[in-house]
Amino acid sequence: MGKDNNRDSSEVLAKLLGERQNSIVVHPNEFLVVVRDGLFQSDGSLQLGAELTIIRTEGKHTIYKSELFVKKPDIEALLANGSPHTLEFWTPSPDEIDVNFHDSHIIPIVSKDGKIIPIQITIIVAIDPDQAPSLFRLPSIRNSGRVTVDNLQKMLNNNLMANVVAPTIETYNADEIRGNESIRAKLLQKLIDTSETYFDWYGIGLTGNKMTIQWGLTEEEINLIKERKLAWENRIMPKDKTNTESSEVIQPVNVGSRNVFVNSGVINSQVTIDQSIQGGMDVRIGPQGSIGKTNIFRVIISVIGIVGAIGSGIIFIIRILEII
């Protein structure tokens, strides 16, 4: 199954503010986590005793107000978006797999009988404001200062596919999966348990409908659809049928000097007929004697033309003499 390109996987869930940023505007569904003089462990966990403030009120807030002769405290501020976010996970369908090119990121899920089972999994998550300090544990926060939907998908993908989806699907044949609510419910619960356990460490929880599973088409189902489509197209737009019955061939009958052709039968396709004509006929110029008649006609026309030209010349000379 293909990725939904309409979704923006670069959507930001949380980001660190710069050290010189003294104020920030908190918008609806956002909250601000401010840690003063806090110490973080190697995994991003905040040590006890740090001054922690979680601001959920909309509007502009001052993070630090500078004072003369007062050392600026060590401040880490993180702006998080508490709105629901959609994560998508999918496995390739048969037509998306290139046997000549191996992509480690495209791993098919195979059933017990060796059939490729395309699956699309959708998870709805949201940041828990009360657990927001746990966001500092996210590797992407520590490395790049922000976490996106794409970061979470990449973090969870291998865990879900290798430890949950693949082991579950490979215990069933392909024809047992389609429409089997028991298998769907079993897989769904495993996915929910794994996701909740994984995200809880980072202060992220499942929300709304939590999770959905959608089966894609197997190779056999795709071929069946293609066959039905082709059969339907042939039904509504039948191809021209060629009459395969051969017509009886009857030889032409030669009567005297005339050529008489007797035609019978029907030919429903283009044919080429080669005929050998015998008789008193010149196929190039018509019947015999036509050359002589044509020549006499041409002579008569030429004589008439010459006589007309001479007459016109005489009349022209007489008119000139009259003028003189």
C-alpha atoms as a PDB file:
ATOM      1  CA  MET A   1       0.000   0.000   0.000  1.00  0.00           C
ATOM      2  CA  GLY A   2       1.279   3.390  -0.896  1.00  0.00           C
ATOM      3  CA  LYS A   3       1.995   6.295   1.360  1.00  0.00           C
ATOM      4  CA  ASP A   4      -0.609   9.036   1.683  1.00  0.00           C
ATOM      5  CA  ASN A   5       1.233  11.955   0.085  1.00  0.00           C
ATOM      6  CA  ASN A   6      -1.404  14.410   1.273  1.00  0.00           C
ATOM      7  CA  ARG A   7      -0.159  14.152   4.864  1.00  0.00           C
ATOM      8  CA  ASP A   8       2.677  16.383   6.014  1.00  0.00           C
ATOM      9  CA  SER A   9       5.193  14.183   7.812  1.00  0.00           C
ATOM     10  CA  SER A  10       7.335  17.256   8.580  1.00  0.00           C
ATOM     11  CA  GLU A  11       4.700  18.553  11.010  1.00  0.00           C
ATOM     12  CA  VAL A  12       6.457  19.659  14.205  1.00  0.00           C
ATOM     13  CA  LEU A  13       5.264  18.311  17.564  1.00  0.00           C
ATOM     14  CA  ALA A  14       7.801  20.127  19.749  1.00  0.00           C
ATOM     15  CA  LYS A  15      10.909  22.281  19.404  1.00  0.00           C
ATOM     16  CA  LEU A  16      13.542  23.849  21.619  1.00  0.00           C
ATOM     17  CA  LEU A  17      13.796  27.634  21.776  1.00  0.00           C
ATOM     18  CA  GLY A  18      17.048  29.439  21.191  1.00  0.00           C
ATOM     19  CA  GLU A  19      19.211  30.513  24.113  1.00  0.00           C
ATOM     20  CA  ARG A  20      18.758  34.209  23.314  1.00  0.00           C
ATOM     21  CA  GLN A  21      14.987  34.007  22.927  1.00  0.00           C
ATOM     22  CA  ASN A  22      13.549  35.747  25.992  1.00  0.00           C
ATOM     23  CA  SER A  23       9.864  35.590  25.085  1.00  0.00           C
ATOM     24  CA  ILE A  24       7.420  33.441  23.111  1.00  0.00           C
ATOM     25  CA  VAL A  25       3.769  33.552  22.043  1.00  0.00           C
ATOM     26  CA  VAL A  26       1.762  30.478  23.009  1.00  0.00           C
ATOM     27  CA  HIS A  27      -1.045  29.691  20.566  1.00  0.00           C
ATOM     28  CA  PRO A  28      -4.151  27.529  21.107  1.00  0.00           C
ATOM     29  CA  ASN A  29      -3.332  23.853  21.764  1.00  0.00           C
ATOM     30  CA  GLU A  30       0.271  24.790  22.568  1.00  0.00           C
ATOM     31  CA  PHE A  31       2.120  24.798  25.870  1.00  0.00           C
ATOM     32  CA  LEU A  32       5.536  25.876  27.014  1.00  0.00           C
ATOM     33  CA  VAL A  33       7.930  23.860  29.165  1.00  0.00           C
ATOM     34  CA  VAL A  34      10.624  25.920  30.926  1.00  0.00           C
ATOM     35  CA  VAL A  35      13.434  24.284  32.905  1.00  0.00           C
ATOM     36  CA  ARG A  36      15.745  26.525  34.969  1.00  0.00           C
ATOM     37  CA  ASP A  37      19.111  25.305  36.205  1.00  0.00           C
ATOM     38  CA  GLY A  38      18.098  21.755  35.461  1.00  0.00           C
ATOM     39  CA  LEU A  39      20.461  18.910  34.896  1.00  0.00           C
ATOM     40  CA  PHE A  40      19.736  16.272  32.298  1.00  0.00           C
ATOM     41  CA  GLN A  41      20.949  12.710  32.321  1.00  0.00           C
ATOM     42  CA  SER A  42      22.499  11.051  29.283  1.00  0.00           C
ATOM     43  CA  ASP A  43      19.111   9.736  28.126  1.00  0.00           C
ATOM     44  CA  GLY A  44      17.526  13.186  28.379  1.00  0.00           C
ATOM     45  CA  SER A  45      15.756  12.570  31.671  1.00  0.00           C
ATOM     46  CA  LEU A  46      15.547  15.594  33.953  1.00  0.00           C
ATOM     47  CA  GLN A  47      17.161  15.155  37.362  1.00  0.00           C
ATOM     48  CA  LEU A  48      15.178  15.877  40.498  1.00  0.00           C
ATOM     49  CA  GLY A  49      15.382  19.304  42.045  1.00  0.00           C
ATOM     50  CA  ALA A  50      15.226  21.315  38.836  1.00  0.00           C
ATOM     51  CA  GLU A  51      12.859  24.282  38.626  1.00  0.00           C
ATOM     52  CA  LEU A  52      10.171  23.324  36.120  1.00  0.00           C
ATOM     53  CA  THR A  53       7.326  25.433  34.755  1.00  0.00           C
ATOM     54  CA  ILE A  54       4.614  24.364  32.333  1.00  0.00           C
ATOM     55  CA  ILE A  55       2.733  27.292  30.768  1.00  0.00           C
ATOM     56  CA  ARG A  56      -0.586  26.495  29.068  1.00  0.00           C
ATOM     57  CA  THR A  57      -2.061  29.999  28.902  1.00  0.00           C
ATOM     58  CA  GLU A  58      -2.357  31.523  25.462  1.00  0.00           C
ATOM     59  CA  GLY A  59      -0.533  34.756  24.750  1.00  0.00           C
ATOM     60  CA  LYS A  60       2.956  36.203  25.013  1.00  0.00           C
ATOM     61  CA  HIS A  61       5.149  34.952  27.855  1.00  0.00           C
ATOM     62  CA  THR A  62       8.546  36.103  29.097  1.00  0.00           C
ATOM     63  CA  ILE A  63      11.024  33.293  29.561  1.00  0.00           C
ATOM     64  CA  TYR A  64      13.745  35.317  31.243  1.00  0.00           C
ATOM     65  CA  LYS A  65      13.972  38.918  32.389  1.00  0.00           C
ATOM     66  CA  SER A  66      17.564  40.113  32.457  1.00  0.00           C
ATOM     67  CA  GLU A  67      18.785  42.002  35.543  1.00  0.00           C
ATOM     68  CA  LEU A  68      21.975  43.956  36.204  1.00  0.00           C
ATOM     69  CA  PHE A  69      24.730  42.134  38.030  1.00  0.00           C
ATOM     70  CA  VAL A  70      22.628  38.946  38.064  1.00  0.00           C
ATOM     71  CA  LYS A  71      23.907  35.872  36.300  1.00  0.00           C
ATOM     72  CA  LYS A  72      21.526  34.453  33.742  1.00  0.00           C
ATOM     73  CA  PRO A  73      20.302  31.026  34.804  1.00  0.00           C
ATOM     74  CA  ASP A  74      20.713  27.988  32.606  1.00  0.00           C
ATOM     75  CA  ILE A  75      17.342  27.765  30.836  1.00  0.00           C
ATOM     76  CA  GLU A  76      15.908  25.157  28.490  1.00  0.00           C
ATOM     77  CA  ALA A  77      12.559  26.091  26.953  1.00  0.00           C
ATOM     78  CA  LEU A  78      10.503  23.769  24.796  1.00  0.00           C
ATOM     79  CA  LEU A  79       7.338  24.704  22.883  1.00  0.00           C
ATOM     80  CA  ALA A  80       5.017  21.755  22.255  1.00  0.00           C
ATOM     81  CA  ASN A  81       1.876  21.265  20.203  1.00  0.00           C
ATOM     82  CA  GLY A  82      -0.811  19.385  22.132  1.00  0.00           C
ATOM     83  CA  SER A  83      -3.049  18.739  19.087  1.00  0.00           C
ATOM     84  CA  PRO A  84      -3.615  15.173  17.842  1.00  0.00           C
ATOM     85  CA  HIS A  85      -1.096  13.991  15.260  1.00  0.00           C
ATOM     86  CA  THR A  86      -1.481  11.158  12.753  1.00  0.00           C
ATOM     87  CA  LEU A  87       1.239   8.571  12.252  1.00  0.00           C
ATOM     88  CA  GLU A  88       1.086   6.207   9.307  1.00  0.00           C
ATOM     89  CA  PHE A  89       2.821   2.883   8.766  1.00  0.00           C
ATOM     90  CA  TRP A  90       2.444   0.729   5.671  1.00  0.00           C
ATOM     91  CA  THR A  91       3.906  -2.344   4.032  1.00  0.00           C
ATOM     92  CA  PRO A  92       4.430  -2.633   0.264  1.00  0.00           C
ATOM     93  CA  SER A  93       1.933  -4.253  -2.074  1.00  0.00           C
ATOM     94  CA  PRO A  94       3.086  -6.784  -4.716  1.00  0.00           C
ATOM     95  CA  ASP A  95       3.266  -4.182  -7.503  1.00  0.00           C
ATOM     96  CA  GLU A  96       5.481  -1.939  -5.341  1.00  0.00           C
ATOM     97  CA  ILE A  97       8.193  -4.566  -4.929  1.00  0.00           C
ATOM     98  CA  ASP A  98      11.076  -4.605  -7.389  1.00  0.00           C
ATOM     99  CA  VAL A  99      12.787  -7.994  -7.260  1.00  0.00           C
ATOM    100  CA  ASN A 100      15.804  -6.517  -9.052  1.00  0.00           C
ATOM    101  CA  PHE A 101      16.310  -3.771  -6.486  1.00  0.00           C
ATOM    102  CA  HIS A 102      16.364  -4.322  -2.741  1.00  0.00           C
ATOM    103  CA  ASP A 103      15.391  -1.469  -0.471  1.00  0.00           C
ATOM    104  CA  SER A 104      15.962  -2.139   3.228  1.00  0.00           C
ATOM    105  CA  HIS A 105      13.208   0.336   4.082  1.00  0.00           C
ATOM    106  CA  ILE A 106      10.604  -1.577   2.038  1.00  0.00           C
ATOM    107  CA  ILE A 107      10.026  -4.856   3.846  1.00  0.00           C
ATOM    108  CA  PRO A 108       7.004  -6.922   2.744  1.00  0.00           C
ATOM    109  CA  ILE A 109       4.840  -8.777   5.243  1.00  0.00           C
ATOM    110  CA  VAL A 110       4.352 -12.403   4.163  1.00  0.00           C
ATOM    111  CA  SER A 111       1.611 -14.816   5.257  1.00  0.00           C
ATOM    112  CA  LYS A 112       2.107 -18.419   6.273  1.00  0.00           C
ATOM    113  CA  ASP A 113       1.532 -19.616   2.680  1.00  0.00           C
ATOM    114  CA  GLY A 114       4.011 -17.103   1.245  1.00  0.00           C
ATOM    115  CA  LYS A 115       1.571 -14.420   0.039  1.00  0.00           C
ATOM    116  CA  ILE A 116       2.415 -10.715   0.375  1.00  0.00           C
ATOM    117  CA  ILE A 117      -0.083  -8.977   2.689  1.00  0.00           C
ATOM    118  CA  PRO A 118      -0.140  -5.166   2.302  1.00  0.00           C
ATOM    119  CA  ILE A 119      -1.156  -3.370   5.504  1.00  0.00           C
ATOM    120  CA  GLN A 120      -1.686   0.267   6.439  1.00  0.00           C
ATOM    121  CA  ILE A 121      -1.713   1.237  10.110  1.00  0.00           C
ATOM    122  CA  THR A 122      -2.835   4.637  11.367  1.00  0.00           C
ATOM    123  CA  ILE A 123      -2.087   5.825  14.909  1.00  0.00           C
ATOM    124  CA  ILE A 124      -3.375   9.029  16.518  1.00  0.00           C
ATOM    125  CA  VAL A 125      -1.067  10.448  19.193  1.00  0.00           C
ATOM    126  CA  ALA A 126      -0.901  13.583  21.345  1.00  0.00           C
ATOM    127  CA  ILE A 127       1.564  15.003  23.860  1.00  0.00           C
ATOM    128  CA  ASP A 128       0.494  14.779  27.475  1.00  0.00           C
ATOM    129  CA  PRO A 129       1.198  18.228  29.017  1.00  0.00           C
ATOM    130  CA  ASP A 130       1.668  16.725  32.480  1.00  0.00           C
ATOM    131  CA  GLN A 131       4.382  14.467  31.107  1.00  0.00           C
ATOM    132  CA  ALA A 132       5.875  17.077  28.762  1.00  0.00           C
ATOM    133  CA  PRO A 133       9.336  17.104  30.449  1.00  0.00           C
ATOM    134  CA  SER A 134       9.760  13.561  29.123  1.00  0.00           C
ATOM    135  CA  LEU A 135       9.976  15.058  25.625  1.00  0.00           C
ATOM    136  CA  PHE A 136      13.592  15.951  26.384  1.00  0.00           C
ATOM    137  CA  ARG A 137      14.307  12.205  26.157  1.00  0.00           C
ATOM    138  CA  LEU A 138      13.500  12.118  22.450  1.00  0.00           C
ATOM    139  CA  PRO A 139      16.716  11.598  20.431  1.00  0.00           C
ATOM    140  CA  SER A 140      15.572  14.068  17.785  1.00  0.00           C
ATOM    141  CA  ILE A 141      15.077  16.775  20.458  1.00  0.00           C
ATOM    142  CA  ARG A 142      18.582  16.256  21.791  1.00  0.00           C
ATOM    143  CA  ASN A 143      20.181  16.039  18.339  1.00  0.00           C
ATOM    144  CA  SER A 144      18.292  18.531  16.185  1.00  0.00           C
ATOM    145  CA  GLY A 145      16.215  20.501  18.715  1.00  0.00           C
ATOM    146  CA  ARG A 146      12.832  19.397  17.320  1.00  0.00           C
ATOM    147  CA  VAL A 147      10.636  16.353  16.823  1.00  0.00           C
ATOM    148  CA  THR A 148       8.354  15.798  13.831  1.00  0.00           C
ATOM    149  CA  VAL A 149       5.735  13.269  12.793  1.00  0.00           C
ATOM    150  CA  ASP A 150       8.321  11.681  10.514  1.00  0.00           C
ATOM    151  CA  ASN A 151      10.734  11.263  13.446  1.00  0.00           C
ATOM    152  CA  LEU A 152       8.127   9.347  15.453  1.00  0.00           C
ATOM    153  CA  GLN A 153       7.192   7.149  12.492  1.00  0.00           C
ATOM    154  CA  LYS A 154      10.805   6.162  11.897  1.00  0.00           C
ATOM    155  CA  MET A 155      11.346   5.504  15.604  1.00  0.00           C
ATOM    156  CA  LEU A 156       8.360   3.174  15.913  1.00  0.00           C
ATOM    157  CA  ASN A 157       8.300   1.544  12.480  1.00  0.00           C
ATOM    158  CA  ASN A 158      10.836  -1.245  12.990  1.00  0.00           C
ATOM    159  CA  ASN A 159       9.441  -2.068  16.414  1.00  0.00           C
ATOM    160  CA  LEU A 160       5.895  -2.452  15.112  1.00  0.00           C
ATOM    161  CA  MET A 161       6.740  -4.329  11.927  1.00  0.00           C
ATOM    162  CA  ALA A 162       9.417  -6.679  13.247  1.00  0.00           C
ATOM    163  CA  ASN A 163       7.999  -7.392  16.701  1.00  0.00           C
ATOM    164  CA  VAL A 164       4.241  -7.196  16.154  1.00  0.00           C
ATOM    165  CA  VAL A 165       2.943  -7.241  12.582  1.00  0.00           C
ATOM    166  CA  ALA A 166       5.264  -9.786  10.934  1.00  0.00           C
ATOM    167  CA  PRO A 167       5.094 -12.441  13.719  1.00  0.00           C
ATOM    168  CA  THR A 168       1.284 -12.175  13.806  1.00  0.00           C
ATOM    169  CA  ILE A 169       0.612 -12.334  10.051  1.00  0.00           C
ATOM    170  CA  GLU A 170       3.033 -15.155   9.339  1.00  0.00           C
ATOM    171  CA  THR A 171       0.946 -17.532  11.484  1.00  0.00           C
ATOM    172  CA  TYR A 172      -2.058 -17.317   9.118  1.00  0.00           C
ATOM    173  CA  ASN A 173      -2.709 -18.151   5.474  1.00  0.00           C
ATOM    174  CA  ALA A 174      -3.681 -15.286   3.191  1.00  0.00           C
ATOM    175  CA  ASP A 175      -7.280 -16.476   2.715  1.00  0.00           C
ATOM    176  CA  GLU A 176      -7.761 -16.552   6.504  1.00  0.00           C
ATOM    177  CA  ILE A 177      -6.972 -12.860   6.979  1.00  0.00           C
ATOM    178  CA  ARG A 178      -9.454 -11.024   4.738  1.00  0.00           C
ATOM    179  CA  GLY A 179     -12.621 -10.268   6.725  1.00  0.00           C
ATOM    180  CA  ASN A 180     -11.403 -12.082   9.840  1.00  0.00           C
ATOM    181  CA  GLU A 181     -12.302  -9.736  12.716  1.00  0.00           C
ATOM    182  CA  SER A 182     -10.654 -12.014  15.273  1.00  0.00           C
ATOM    183  CA  ILE A 183      -7.253 -11.617  13.592  1.00  0.00           C
ATOM    184  CA  ARG A 184      -7.784  -7.871  13.183  1.00  0.00           C
ATOM    185  CA  ALA A 185      -8.712  -7.430  16.858  1.00  0.00           C
ATOM    186  CA  LYS A 186      -5.737  -9.518  17.992  1.00  0.00           C
ATOM    187  CA  LEU A 187      -3.277  -7.538  15.870  1.00  0.00           C
ATOM    188  CA  LEU A 188      -4.870  -4.229  16.849  1.00  0.00           C
ATOM    189  CA  GLN A 189      -4.520  -4.897  20.563  1.00  0.00           C
ATOM    190  CA  LYS A 190      -0.880  -5.907  20.179  1.00  0.00           C
ATOM    191  CA  LEU A 191      -0.173  -2.707  18.255  1.00  0.00           C
ATOM    192  CA  ILE A 192      -1.894  -0.552  20.864  1.00  0.00           C
ATOM    193  CA  ASP A 193      -0.029  -2.181  23.747  1.00  0.00           C
ATOM    194  CA  THR A 194       3.336  -1.825  21.999  1.00  0.00           C
ATOM    195  CA  SER A 195       2.732   1.789  20.947  1.00  0.00           C
ATOM    196  CA  GLU A 196       1.511   2.921  24.367  1.00  0.00           C
ATOM    197  CA  THR A 197       4.474   1.327  26.111  1.00  0.00           C
ATOM    198  CA  TYR A 198       6.913   2.839  23.626  1.00  0.00           C
ATOM    199  CA  PHE A 199       5.524   6.398  23.607  1.00  0.00           C
ATOM    200  CA  ASP A 200       4.812   6.623  27.324  1.00  0.00           C
ATOM    201  CA  TRP A 201       8.531   6.953  27.994  1.00  0.00           C
ATOM    202  CA  TYR A 202       8.522  10.152  25.926  1.00  0.00           C
ATOM    203  CA  GLY A 203       5.376  11.715  27.384  1.00  0.00           C
ATOM    204  CA  ILE A 204       3.275  10.888  24.319  1.00  0.00           C
ATOM    205  CA  GLY A 205      -0.015   9.025  24.469  1.00  0.00           C
ATOM    206  CA  LEU A 206      -2.573   7.550  22.074  1.00  0.00           C
ATOM    207  CA  THR A 207      -5.749   9.579  21.643  1.00  0.00           C
ATOM    208  CA  GLY A 208      -9.098   9.639  19.828  1.00  0.00           C
ATOM    209  CA  ASN A 209      -9.777   6.405  17.943  1.00  0.00           C
ATOM    210  CA  LYS A 210      -6.186   5.520  18.739  1.00  0.00           C
ATOM    211  CA  MET A 211      -5.486   3.141  15.875  1.00  0.00           C
ATOM    212  CA  THR A 212      -6.891   1.620  12.680  1.00  0.00           C
ATOM    213  CA  ILE A 213      -5.787  -1.250  10.431  1.00  0.00           C
ATOM    214  CA  GLN A 214      -6.536  -1.514   6.733  1.00  0.00           C
ATOM    215  CA  TRP A 215      -5.737  -4.555   4.604  1.00  0.00           C
ATOM    216  CA  GLY A 216      -4.432  -4.005   1.103  1.00  0.00           C
ATOM    217  CA  LEU A 217      -4.941  -6.209  -1.967  1.00  0.00           C
ATOM    218  CA  THR A 218      -2.935  -9.390  -2.387  1.00  0.00           C
ATOM    219  CA  GLU A 219      -1.465 -10.353  -5.754  1.00  0.00           C
ATOM    220  CA  GLU A 220      -4.272 -12.864  -6.387  1.00  0.00           C
ATOM    221  CA  GLU A 221      -6.928 -10.236  -5.622  1.00  0.00           C
ATOM    222  CA  ILE A 222      -5.254  -7.726  -7.945  1.00  0.00           C
ATOM    223  CA  ASN A 223      -5.147 -10.269 -10.791  1.00  0.00           C
ATOM    224  CA  LEU A 224      -8.786 -11.201 -10.215  1.00  0.00           C
ATOM    225  CA  ILE A 225      -9.835  -7.545 -10.438  1.00  0.00           C
ATOM    226  CA  LYS A 226      -7.869  -7.144 -13.682  1.00  0.00           C
ATOM    227  CA  GLU A 227      -9.507 -10.243 -15.174  1.00  0.00           C
ATOM    228  CA  ARG A 228     -12.990  -9.040 -14.243  1.00  0.00           C
ATOM    229  CA  LYS A 229     -12.269  -5.597 -15.679  1.00  0.00           C
ATOM    230  CA  LEU A 230     -11.039  -7.102 -18.952  1.00  0.00           C
ATOM    231  CA  ALA A 231     -14.086  -9.393 -19.192  1.00  0.00           C
ATOM    232  CA  TRP A 232     -16.415  -6.454 -18.575  1.00  0.00           C
ATOM    233  CA  GLU A 233     -14.687  -4.321 -21.223  1.00  0.00           C
ATOM    234  CA  ASN A 234     -15.023  -7.144 -23.745  1.00  0.00           C
ATOM    235  CA  ARG A 235     -18.677  -7.478 -22.839  1.00  0.00           C
ATOM    236  CA  ILE A 236     -19.631  -3.831 -23.363  1.00  0.00           C
ATOM    237  CA  MET A 237     -17.246  -3.263 -26.300  1.00  0.00           C
ATOM    238  CA  PRO A 238     -17.024  -6.590 -28.209  1.00  0.00           C
ATOM    239  CA  LYS A 239     -14.320  -6.867 -30.795  1.00  0.00           C
ATOM    240  CA  ASP A 240     -15.244  -7.132 -34.510  1.00  0.00           C
ATOM    241  CA  LYS A 241     -15.837 -10.730 -35.373  1.00  0.00           C
ATOM    242  CA  THR A 242     -14.348 -11.991 -38.612  1.00  0.00           C
ATOM    243  CA  ASN A 243     -16.386 -14.484 -40.624  1.00  0.00           C
ATOM    244  CA  THR A 244     -14.097 -17.456 -40.831  1.00  0.00           C
ATOM    245  CA  GLU A 245     -16.325 -19.321 -43.270  1.00  0.00           C
ATOM    246  CA  SER A 246     -14.516 -19.575 -46.604  1.00  0.00           C
ATOM    247  CA  SER A 247     -16.492 -18.580 -49.700  1.00  0.00           C
ATOM    248  CA  GLU A 248     -16.679 -20.988 -52.572  1.00  0.00           C
ATOM    249  CA  VAL A 249     -14.306 -20.032 -55.380  1.00  0.00           C
ATOM    250  CA  ILE A 250     -15.911 -20.204 -58.827  1.00  0.00           C
ATOM    251  CA  GLN A 251     -13.772 -19.931 -61.926  1.00  0.00           C
ATOM    252  CA  PRO A 252     -14.739 -17.253 -64.474  1.00  0.00           C
ATOM    253  CA  VAL A 253     -16.635 -18.524 -67.505  1.00  0.00           C
ATOM    254  CA  ASN A 254     -15.256 -17.498 -70.893  1.00  0.00           C
ATOM    255  CA  VAL A 255     -18.077 -17.003 -73.417  1.00  0.00           C
ATOM    256  CA  GLY A 256     -16.721 -16.316 -76.863  1.00  0.00           C
ATOM    257  CA  SER A 257     -14.550 -13.197 -76.794  1.00  0.00           C
ATOM    258  CA  ARG A 258     -16.284 -11.799 -73.705  1.00  0.00           C
ATOM    259  CA  ASN A 259     -15.138 -12.343 -70.143  1.00  0.00           C
ATOM    260  CA  VAL A 260     -18.014 -13.188 -67.842  1.00  0.00           C
ATOM    261  CA  PHE A 261     -17.329 -13.329 -64.078  1.00  0.00           C
ATOM    262  CA  VAL A 262     -19.652 -15.197 -61.783  1.00  0.00           C
ATOM    263  CA  ASN A 263     -19.470 -13.943 -58.147  1.00  0.00           C
ATOM    264  CA  SER A 264     -20.991 -15.684 -55.161  1.00  0.00           C
ATOM    265  CA  GLY A 265     -20.389 -15.741 -51.438  1.00  0.00           C
ATOM    266  CA  VAL A 266     -19.540 -12.956 -48.978  1.00  0.00           C
ATOM    267  CA  ILE A 267     -16.039 -11.904 -47.944  1.00  0.00           C
ATOM    268  CA  ASN A 268     -15.970  -9.884 -44.702  1.00  0.00           C
ATOM    269  CA  SER A 269     -12.361  -8.837 -44.863  1.00  0.00           C
ATOM    270  CA  GLN A 270      -9.964  -7.166 -47.278  1.00  0.00           C
ATOM    271  CA  VAL A 271      -8.711  -9.385 -50.097  1.00  0.00           C
ATOM    272  CA  THR A 272      -6.393  -9.006 -53.077  1.00  0.00           C
ATOM    273  CA  ILE A 273      -7.603 -10.520 -56.378  1.00  0.00           C
ATOM    274  CA  ASP A 274      -5.164 -11.260 -59.206  1.00  0.00           C
ATOM    275  CA  GLN A 275      -6.956 -11.934 -62.516  1.00  0.00           C
ATOM    276  CA  SER A 276      -5.614 -13.206 -65.807  1.00  0.00           C
ATOM    277  CA  ILE A 277      -7.945 -11.838 -68.510  1.00  0.00           C
ATOM    278  CA  GLN A 278      -8.132 -13.537 -71.883  1.00  0.00           C
ATOM    279  CA  GLY A 279     -10.038 -12.183 -74.861  1.00  0.00           C
ATOM    280  CA  GLY A 280      -9.961  -9.381 -77.432  1.00  0.00           C
ATOM    281  CA  MET A 281      -9.269  -6.535 -75.002  1.00  0.00           C
ATOM    282  CA  ASP A 282      -6.274  -4.320 -74.430  1.00  0.00           C
ATOM    283  CA  VAL A 283      -6.479  -3.401 -70.785  1.00  0.00           C
ATOM    284  CA  ARG A 284      -4.242  -0.393 -71.256  1.00  0.00           C
ATOM    285  CA  ILE A 285      -6.167   1.549 -73.912  1.00  0.00           C
ATOM    286  CA  GLY A 286      -9.534  -0.159 -74.160  1.00  0.00           C
ATOM    287  CA  PRO A 287     -10.994  -2.220 -77.092  1.00  0.00           C
ATOM    288  CA  GLN A 288      -9.025  -2.806 -80.316  1.00  0.00           C
ATOM    289  CA  GLY A 289      -9.487  -0.138 -82.990  1.00  0.00           C
ATOM    290  CA  SER A 290      -9.813   2.649 -80.504  1.00  0.00           C
ATOM    291  CA  ILE A 291      -6.358   3.973 -81.483  1.00  0.00           C
ATOM    292  CA  GLY A 292      -7.343   4.552 -85.106  1.00  0.00           C
ATOM    293  CA  LYS A 293     -10.562   6.307 -84.247  1.00  0.00           C
ATOM    294  CA  THR A 294      -8.743   8.538 -81.781  1.00  0.00           C
ATOM    295  CA  ASN A 295      -6.133   9.563 -84.381  1.00  0.00           C
ATOM    296  CA  ILE A 296      -8.766  10.479 -87.060  1.00  0.00           C
ATOM    297  CA  PHE A 297     -10.614  12.607 -84.500  1.00  0.00           C
ATOM    298  CA  ARG A 298      -7.416  14.438 -83.606  1.00  0.00           C
ATOM    299  CA  VAL A 299      -6.636  15.171 -87.339  1.00  0.00           C
ATOM    300  CA  ILE A 300     -10.107  16.634 -87.927  1.00  0.00           C
ATOM    301  CA  ILE A 301      -9.750  18.929 -84.926  1.00  0.00           C
ATOM    302  CA  SER A 302      -6.310  20.085 -86.135  1.00  0.00           C
ATOM    303  CA  VAL A 303      -7.608  20.902 -89.659  1.00  0.00           C
ATOM    304  CA  ILE A 304     -10.508  22.900 -88.267  1.00  0.00           C
ATOM    305  CA  GLY A 305      -8.093  24.855 -86.084  1.00  0.00           C
ATOM    306  CA  ILE A 306      -5.797  25.673 -89.027  1.00  0.00           C
ATOM    307  CA  VAL A 307      -8.697  26.810 -91.279  1.00  0.00           C
ATOM    308  CA  GLY A 308     -10.031  29.027 -88.527  1.00  0.00           C
ATOM    309  CA  ALA A 309      -6.622  30.636 -88.030  1.00  0.00           C
ATOM    310  CA  ILE A 310      -6.229  31.373 -91.797  1.00  0.00           C
ATOM    311  CA  GLY A 311      -9.704  32.913 -91.983  1.00  0.00           C
ATOM    312  CA  SER A 312      -8.989  35.158 -89.030  1.00  0.00           C
ATOM    313  CA  GLY A 313      -5.736  36.318 -90.655  1.00  0.00           C
ATOM    314  CA  ILE A 314      -7.467  37.229 -93.985  1.00  0.00           C
ATOM    315  CA  ILE A 315     -10.155  39.236 -92.220  1.00  0.00           C
ATOM    316  CA  PHE A 316      -7.475  41.097 -90.264  1.00  0.00           C
ATOM    317  CA  ILE A 317      -5.587  42.061 -93.508  1.00  0.00           C
ATOM    318  CA  ILE A 318      -8.774  43.285 -95.250  1.00  0.00           C
ATOM    319  CA  ARG A 319      -9.591  45.585 -92.306  1.00  0.00           C
ATOM    320  CA  ILE A 320      -6.086  47.081 -92.447  1.00  0.00           C
ATOM    321  CA  LEU A 321      -6.412  47.798 -96.182  1.00  0.00           C
ATOM    322  CA  GLU A 322      -9.766  49.485 -95.649  1.00  0.00           C
ATOM    323  CA  ILE A 323      -8.208  51.760 -93.063  1.00  0.00           C
ATOM    324  CA  ILE A 324      -5.400  52.701 -95.407  1.00  0.00           C
END
